[in-house]
PDB file of N, CA and C in Angstrom:
ATOM      1  N   MET A   1     -33.183 -18.097  -0.013  1.00  0.00           N
ATOM      2  CA  MET A   1     -31.811 -17.954  -0.269  1.00  0.00           C
ATOM      3  C   MET A   1     -30.887 -19.182   0.235  1.00  0.00           C
ATOM      4  N   ASP A   2     -30.392 -19.732  -0.847  1.00  0.00           N
ATOM      5  CA  ASP A   2     -29.564 -20.992  -0.565  1.00  0.00           C
ATOM      6  C   ASP A   2     -28.033 -20.582  -0.602  1.00  0.00           C
ATOM      7  N   ILE A   3     -27.261 -21.533  -0.460  1.00  0.00           N
ATOM      8  CA  ILE A   3     -25.774 -21.507  -0.391  1.00  0.00           C
ATOM      9  C   ILE A   3     -25.096 -20.592  -1.829  1.00  0.00           C
ATOM     10  N   ASN A   4     -25.866 -20.947  -2.992  1.00  0.00           N
ATOM     11  CA  ASN A   4     -25.357 -20.612  -4.147  1.00  0.00           C
ATOM     12  C   ASN A   4     -25.622 -19.054  -4.380  1.00  0.00           C
ATOM     13  N   ASP A   5     -26.783 -18.405  -3.719  1.00  0.00           N
ATOM     14  CA  ASP A   5     -27.130 -17.087  -3.896  1.00  0.00           C
ATOM     15  C   ASP A   5     -26.066 -16.281  -2.874  1.00  0.00           C
ATOM     16  N   LEU A   6     -25.691 -17.021  -1.817  1.00  0.00           N
ATOM     17  CA  LEU A   6     -24.913 -16.212  -0.792  1.00  0.00           C
ATOM     18  C   LEU A   6     -23.552 -16.208  -1.644  1.00  0.00           C
ATOM     19  N   ARG A   7     -22.897 -17.358  -2.329  1.00  0.00           N
ATOM     20  CA  ARG A   7     -21.873 -17.107  -2.928  1.00  0.00           C
ATOM     21  C   ARG A   7     -21.642 -16.136  -4.101  1.00  0.00           C
ATOM     22  N   SER A   8     -22.856 -16.048  -4.632  1.00  0.00           N
ATOM     23  CA  SER A   8     -22.964 -14.946  -5.788  1.00  0.00           C
ATOM     24  C   SER A   8     -22.900 -13.762  -5.094  1.00  0.00           C
ATOM     25  N   LEU A   9     -23.646 -13.660  -4.096  1.00  0.00           N
ATOM     26  CA  LEU A   9     -23.567 -12.243  -3.525  1.00  0.00           C
ATOM     27  C   LEU A   9     -21.964 -11.746  -2.983  1.00  0.00           C
ATOM     28  N   LEU A  10     -21.421 -12.688  -2.389  1.00  0.00           N
ATOM     29  CA  LEU A  10     -19.885 -12.501  -1.710  1.00  0.00           C
ATOM     30  C   LEU A  10     -18.965 -12.475  -3.014  1.00  0.00           C
ATOM     31  N   THR A  11     -19.269 -13.050  -4.126  1.00  0.00           N
ATOM     32  CA  THR A  11     -18.522 -12.720  -5.347  1.00  0.00           C
ATOM     33  C   THR A  11     -18.648 -11.281  -5.732  1.00  0.00           C
ATOM     34  N   VAL A  12     -19.982 -10.912  -6.015  1.00  0.00           N
ATOM     35  CA  VAL A  12     -20.171  -9.430  -6.450  1.00  0.00           C
ATOM     36  C   VAL A  12     -19.626  -8.390  -5.663  1.00  0.00           C
ATOM     37  N   LEU A  13     -19.502  -8.676  -4.215  1.00  0.00           N
ATOM     38  CA  LEU A  13     -19.187  -8.021  -3.151  1.00  0.00           C
ATOM     39  C   LEU A  13     -17.407  -7.653  -3.163  1.00  0.00           C
ATOM     40  N   GLY A  14     -16.994  -8.870  -3.568  1.00  0.00           N
ATOM     41  CA  GLY A  14     -15.588  -9.014  -3.611  1.00  0.00           C
ATOM     42  C   GLY A  14     -14.995  -7.986  -4.899  1.00  0.00           C
ATOM     43  N   LEU A  15     -15.909  -8.338  -5.992  1.00  0.00           N
ATOM     44  CA  LEU A  15     -15.507  -7.571  -7.232  1.00  0.00           C
ATOM     45  C   LEU A  15     -15.668  -5.878  -6.983  1.00  0.00           C
ATOM     46  N   LEU A  16     -16.523  -5.636  -6.189  1.00  0.00           N
ATOM     47  CA  LEU A  16     -16.735  -4.158  -5.993  1.00  0.00           C
ATOM     48  C   LEU A  16     -15.784  -3.557  -4.890  1.00  0.00           C
ATOM     49  N   CYS A  17     -15.315  -4.361  -4.091  1.00  0.00           N
ATOM     50  CA  CYS A  17     -14.320  -4.043  -3.052  1.00  0.00           C
ATOM     51  C   CYS A  17     -12.819  -3.886  -4.077  1.00  0.00           C
ATOM     52  N   PHE A  18     -12.626  -4.730  -4.820  1.00  0.00           N
ATOM     53  CA  PHE A  18     -11.512  -4.869  -5.707  1.00  0.00           C
ATOM     54  C   PHE A  18     -11.415  -3.656  -6.495  1.00  0.00           C
ATOM     55  N   LEU A  19     -12.507  -3.242  -7.096  1.00  0.00           N
ATOM     56  CA  LEU A  19     -12.631  -2.241  -8.006  1.00  0.00           C
ATOM     57  C   LEU A  19     -12.461  -0.930  -7.366  1.00  0.00           C
ATOM     58  N   GLY A  20     -13.132  -0.788  -6.146  1.00  0.00           N
ATOM     59  CA  GLY A  20     -12.856   0.313  -5.312  1.00  0.00           C
ATOM     60  C   GLY A  20     -11.415   0.611  -4.837  1.00  0.00           C
ATOM     61  N   ILE A  21     -10.595  -0.464  -4.401  1.00  0.00           N
ATOM     62  CA  ILE A  21      -9.269  -0.359  -4.176  1.00  0.00           C
ATOM     63  C   ILE A  21      -8.411  -0.009  -5.297  1.00  0.00           C
ATOM     64  N   ALA A  22      -8.881  -0.398  -6.569  1.00  0.00           N
ATOM     65  CA  ALA A  22      -8.133  -0.229  -8.000  1.00  0.00           C
ATOM     66  C   ALA A  22      -8.259   1.336  -8.314  1.00  0.00           C
ATOM     67  N   ALA A  23      -9.432   1.757  -8.019  1.00  0.00           N
ATOM     68  CA  ALA A  23      -9.804   3.211  -8.453  1.00  0.00           C
ATOM     69  C   ALA A  23      -9.143   4.164  -7.386  1.00  0.00           C
ATOM     70  N   TRP A  24      -8.949   3.828  -6.163  1.00  0.00           N
ATOM     71  CA  TRP A  24      -8.370   4.677  -4.998  1.00  0.00           C
ATOM     72  C   TRP A  24      -6.882   4.571  -5.541  1.00  0.00           C
ATOM     73  N   ALA A  25      -6.276   3.499  -5.798  1.00  0.00           N
ATOM     74  CA  ALA A  25      -4.701   3.350  -6.186  1.00  0.00           C
ATOM     75  C   ALA A  25      -4.312   4.158  -7.233  1.00  0.00           C
ATOM     76  N   TYR A  26      -5.158   4.192  -8.247  1.00  0.00           N
ATOM     77  CA  TYR A  26      -5.092   4.974  -9.499  1.00  0.00           C
ATOM     78  C   TYR A  26      -5.573   6.498  -9.429  1.00  0.00           C
ATOM     79  N   SER A  27      -6.009   6.979  -8.462  1.00  0.00           N
ATOM     80  CA  SER A  27      -6.625   8.399  -8.295  1.00  0.00           C
ATOM     81  C   SER A  27      -5.561   9.263  -8.164  1.00  0.00           C
ATOM     82  N   SER A  28      -5.806  10.706  -8.627  1.00  0.00           N
ATOM     83  CA  SER A  28      -4.716  11.388  -8.469  1.00  0.00           C
ATOM     84  C   SER A  28      -4.438  11.950  -7.130  1.00  0.00           C
ATOM     85  N   LYS A  29      -5.722  11.744  -6.128  1.00  0.00           N
ATOM     86  CA  LYS A  29      -5.468  12.179  -4.717  1.00  0.00           C
ATOM     87  C   LYS A  29      -4.248  11.375  -4.171  1.00  0.00           C
ATOM     88  N   ALA A  30      -4.045   9.921  -4.551  1.00  0.00           N
ATOM     89  CA  ALA A  30      -3.290   9.084  -3.809  1.00  0.00           C
ATOM     90  C   ALA A  30      -1.905   9.075  -4.471  1.00  0.00           C
ATOM     91  N   ARG A  31      -1.711   9.672  -5.509  1.00  0.00           N
ATOM     92  CA  ARG A  31      -0.505   9.664  -6.340  1.00  0.00           C
ATOM     93  C   ARG A  31       0.546  10.466  -5.498  1.00  0.00           C
ATOM     94  N   LYS A  32       0.258  11.547  -4.895  1.00  0.00           N
ATOM     95  CA  LYS A  32       1.108  12.450  -4.051  1.00  0.00           C
ATOM     96  C   LYS A  32       1.828  11.390  -2.857  1.00  0.00           C
ATOM     97  N   GLY A  33       1.032  10.812  -2.093  1.00  0.00           N
ATOM     98  CA  GLY A  33       1.622   9.952  -1.188  1.00  0.00           C
ATOM     99  C   GLY A  33       2.331   8.652  -1.840  1.00  0.00           C
ATOM    100  N   PHE A  34       1.920   8.388  -2.839  1.00  0.00           N
ATOM    101  CA  PHE A  34       2.694   7.123  -3.233  1.00  0.00           C
ATOM    102  C   PHE A  34       4.131   7.574  -3.957  1.00  0.00           C
ATOM    103  N   ASP A  35       4.087   8.832  -4.501  1.00  0.00           N
ATOM    104  CA  ASP A  35       5.290   9.577  -5.046  1.00  0.00           C
ATOM    105  C   ASP A  35       6.016   9.608  -3.840  1.00  0.00           C
ATOM    106  N   GLU A  36       5.680  10.107  -2.836  1.00  0.00           N
ATOM    107  CA  GLU A  36       6.674  10.379  -1.578  1.00  0.00           C
ATOM    108  C   GLU A  36       7.181   9.311  -1.012  1.00  0.00           C
ATOM    109  N   ALA A  37       6.474   8.253  -0.952  1.00  0.00           N
ATOM    110  CA  ALA A  37       6.770   6.622  -0.401  1.00  0.00           C
ATOM    111  C   ALA A  37       7.771   6.192  -1.269  1.00  0.00           C
ATOM    112  N   ALA A  38       7.711   6.445  -2.539  1.00  0.00           N
ATOM    113  CA  ALA A  38       8.611   5.870  -3.518  1.00  0.00           C
ATOM    114  C   ALA A  38       9.959   6.204  -3.361  1.00  0.00           C
ATOM    115  N   GLN A  39      10.160   7.709  -2.723  1.00  0.00           N
ATOM    116  CA  GLN A  39      11.389   8.448  -2.665  1.00  0.00           C
ATOM    117  C   GLN A  39      12.120   8.259  -1.323  1.00  0.00           C
ATOM    118  N   ILE A  40      11.578   7.443  -0.511  1.00  0.00           N
ATOM    119  CA  ILE A  40      11.825   7.075   0.882  1.00  0.00           C
ATOM    120  C   ILE A  40      13.443   6.394   0.763  1.00  0.00           C
ATOM    121  N   PRO A  41      13.342   5.484  -0.136  1.00  0.00           N
ATOM    122  CA  PRO A  41      14.855   4.729  -0.018  1.00  0.00           C
ATOM    123  C   PRO A  41      15.989   5.792  -0.414  1.00  0.00           C
ATOM    124  N   PHE A  42      15.596   6.809  -1.147  1.00  0.00           N
ATOM    125  CA  PHE A  42      16.617   7.551  -1.765  1.00  0.00           C
ATOM    126  C   PHE A  42      16.922   8.886  -0.708  1.00  0.00           C
ATOM    127  N   THR A  43      16.138   8.897   0.371  1.00  0.00           N
ATOM    128  CA  THR A  43      16.484   9.995   1.183  1.00  0.00           C
ATOM    129  C   THR A  43      17.956  10.031   1.830  1.00  0.00           C
ATOM    130  N   GLU A  44      18.656  11.181   1.825  1.00  0.00           N
ATOM    131  CA  GLU A  44      19.962  11.150   2.528  1.00  0.00           C
ATOM    132  C   GLU A  44      19.880  11.202   4.149  1.00  0.00           C
ATOM    133  N   GLU A  45      18.873  11.306   4.680  1.00  0.00           N
ATOM    134  CA  GLU A  45      18.693  11.403   6.263  1.00  0.00           C
ATOM    135  C   GLU A  45      19.059  10.186   6.725  1.00  0.00           C
ATOM    136  N   ASP A  46      19.728  10.081   7.883  1.00  0.00           N
ATOM    137  CA  ASP A  46      20.192   8.958   8.479  1.00  0.00           C
ATOM    138  C   ASP A  46      18.947   8.309   9.423  1.00  0.00           C
ATOM    139  N   LEU A  47      18.848   7.237   9.622  1.00  0.00           N
ATOM    140  CA  LEU A  47      17.808   6.542  10.438  1.00  0.00           C
ATOM    141  C   LEU A  47      18.335   6.528  11.936  1.00  0.00           C
ATOM    142  N   PRO A  48      17.539   6.675  12.820  1.00  0.00           N
ATOM    143  CA  PRO A  48      17.965   6.608  14.223  1.00  0.00           C
ATOM    144  C   PRO A  48      18.619   5.310  14.585  1.00  0.00           C
ATOM    145  N   GLY A  49      19.789   5.277  15.130  1.00  0.00           N
ATOM    146  CA  GLY A  49      20.646   4.334  15.192  1.00  0.00           C
ATOM    147  C   GLY A  49      21.687   3.835  14.255  1.00  0.00           C
ATOM    148  N   GLU A  50      21.549   4.416  13.117  1.00  0.00           N
ATOM    149  CA  GLU A  50      22.299   4.085  11.829  1.00  0.00           C
ATOM    150  C   GLU A  50      23.719   4.394  12.002  1.00  0.00           C
ATOM    151  N   SER A  51      24.018   5.522  12.725  1.00  0.00           N
ATOM    152  CA  SER A  51      25.299   6.076  12.619  1.00  0.00           C
ATOM    153  C   SER A  51      26.134   5.234  13.810  1.00  0.00           C
ATOM    154  N   SER A  52      25.447   4.641  14.710  1.00  0.00           N
ATOM    155  CA  SER A  52      26.272   3.699  15.711  1.00  0.00           C
ATOM    156  C   SER A  52      26.465   2.300  15.088  1.00  0.00           C
ATOM    157  N   ARG A  53      25.652   1.722  14.104  1.00  0.00           N
ATOM    158  CA  ARG A  53      26.123   0.673  13.508  1.00  0.00           C
ATOM    159  C   ARG A  53      27.053   0.846  12.629  1.00  0.00           C
ATOM    160  N   GLN A  54      27.266   1.896  12.027  1.00  0.00           N
ATOM    161  CA  GLN A  54      28.428   2.289  10.942  1.00  0.00           C
ATOM    162  C   GLN A  54      29.624   2.226  11.626  1.00  0.00           C
ATOM    163  N   SER A  55      29.819   2.995  12.915  1.00  0.00           N
ATOM    164  CA  SER A  55      30.897   3.099  13.401  1.00  0.00           C
ATOM    165  C   SER A  55      31.515   1.896  14.145  1.00  0.00           C
ATOM    166  N   LYS A  56      30.687   0.905  14.484  1.00  0.00           N
ATOM    167  CA  LYS A  56      31.052  -0.519  14.974  1.00  0.00           C
ATOM    168  C   LYS A  56      31.739  -1.394  13.850  1.00  0.00           C
ATOM    169  N   LYS A  57      31.315  -1.160  12.689  1.00  0.00           N
ATOM    170  CA  LYS A  57      31.777  -1.923  11.381  1.00  0.00           C
ATOM    171  C   LYS A  57      33.173  -1.402  11.141  1.00  0.00           C
ATOM    172  N   GLY A  58      33.374  -0.178  11.058  1.00  0.00           N
ATOM    173  CA  GLY A  58      34.485   0.334  10.720  1.00  0.00           C
ATOM    174  C   GLY A  58      35.746   0.459  11.613  1.00  0.00           C
TER     175      GLY A  58
END
């Protein structure tokens, strides 16, 4: 096994890892978590310490 065989093997392993991550990202199991995470900026709940920062501004 020379260096070119090792490079080829690493390329194939990298491709397999990429395809595995892409399959996971587009799976229906992951969609629920992604949808919840996408709504985080729109929640009405105050973050800890947020009300004290607003009272100092005004």
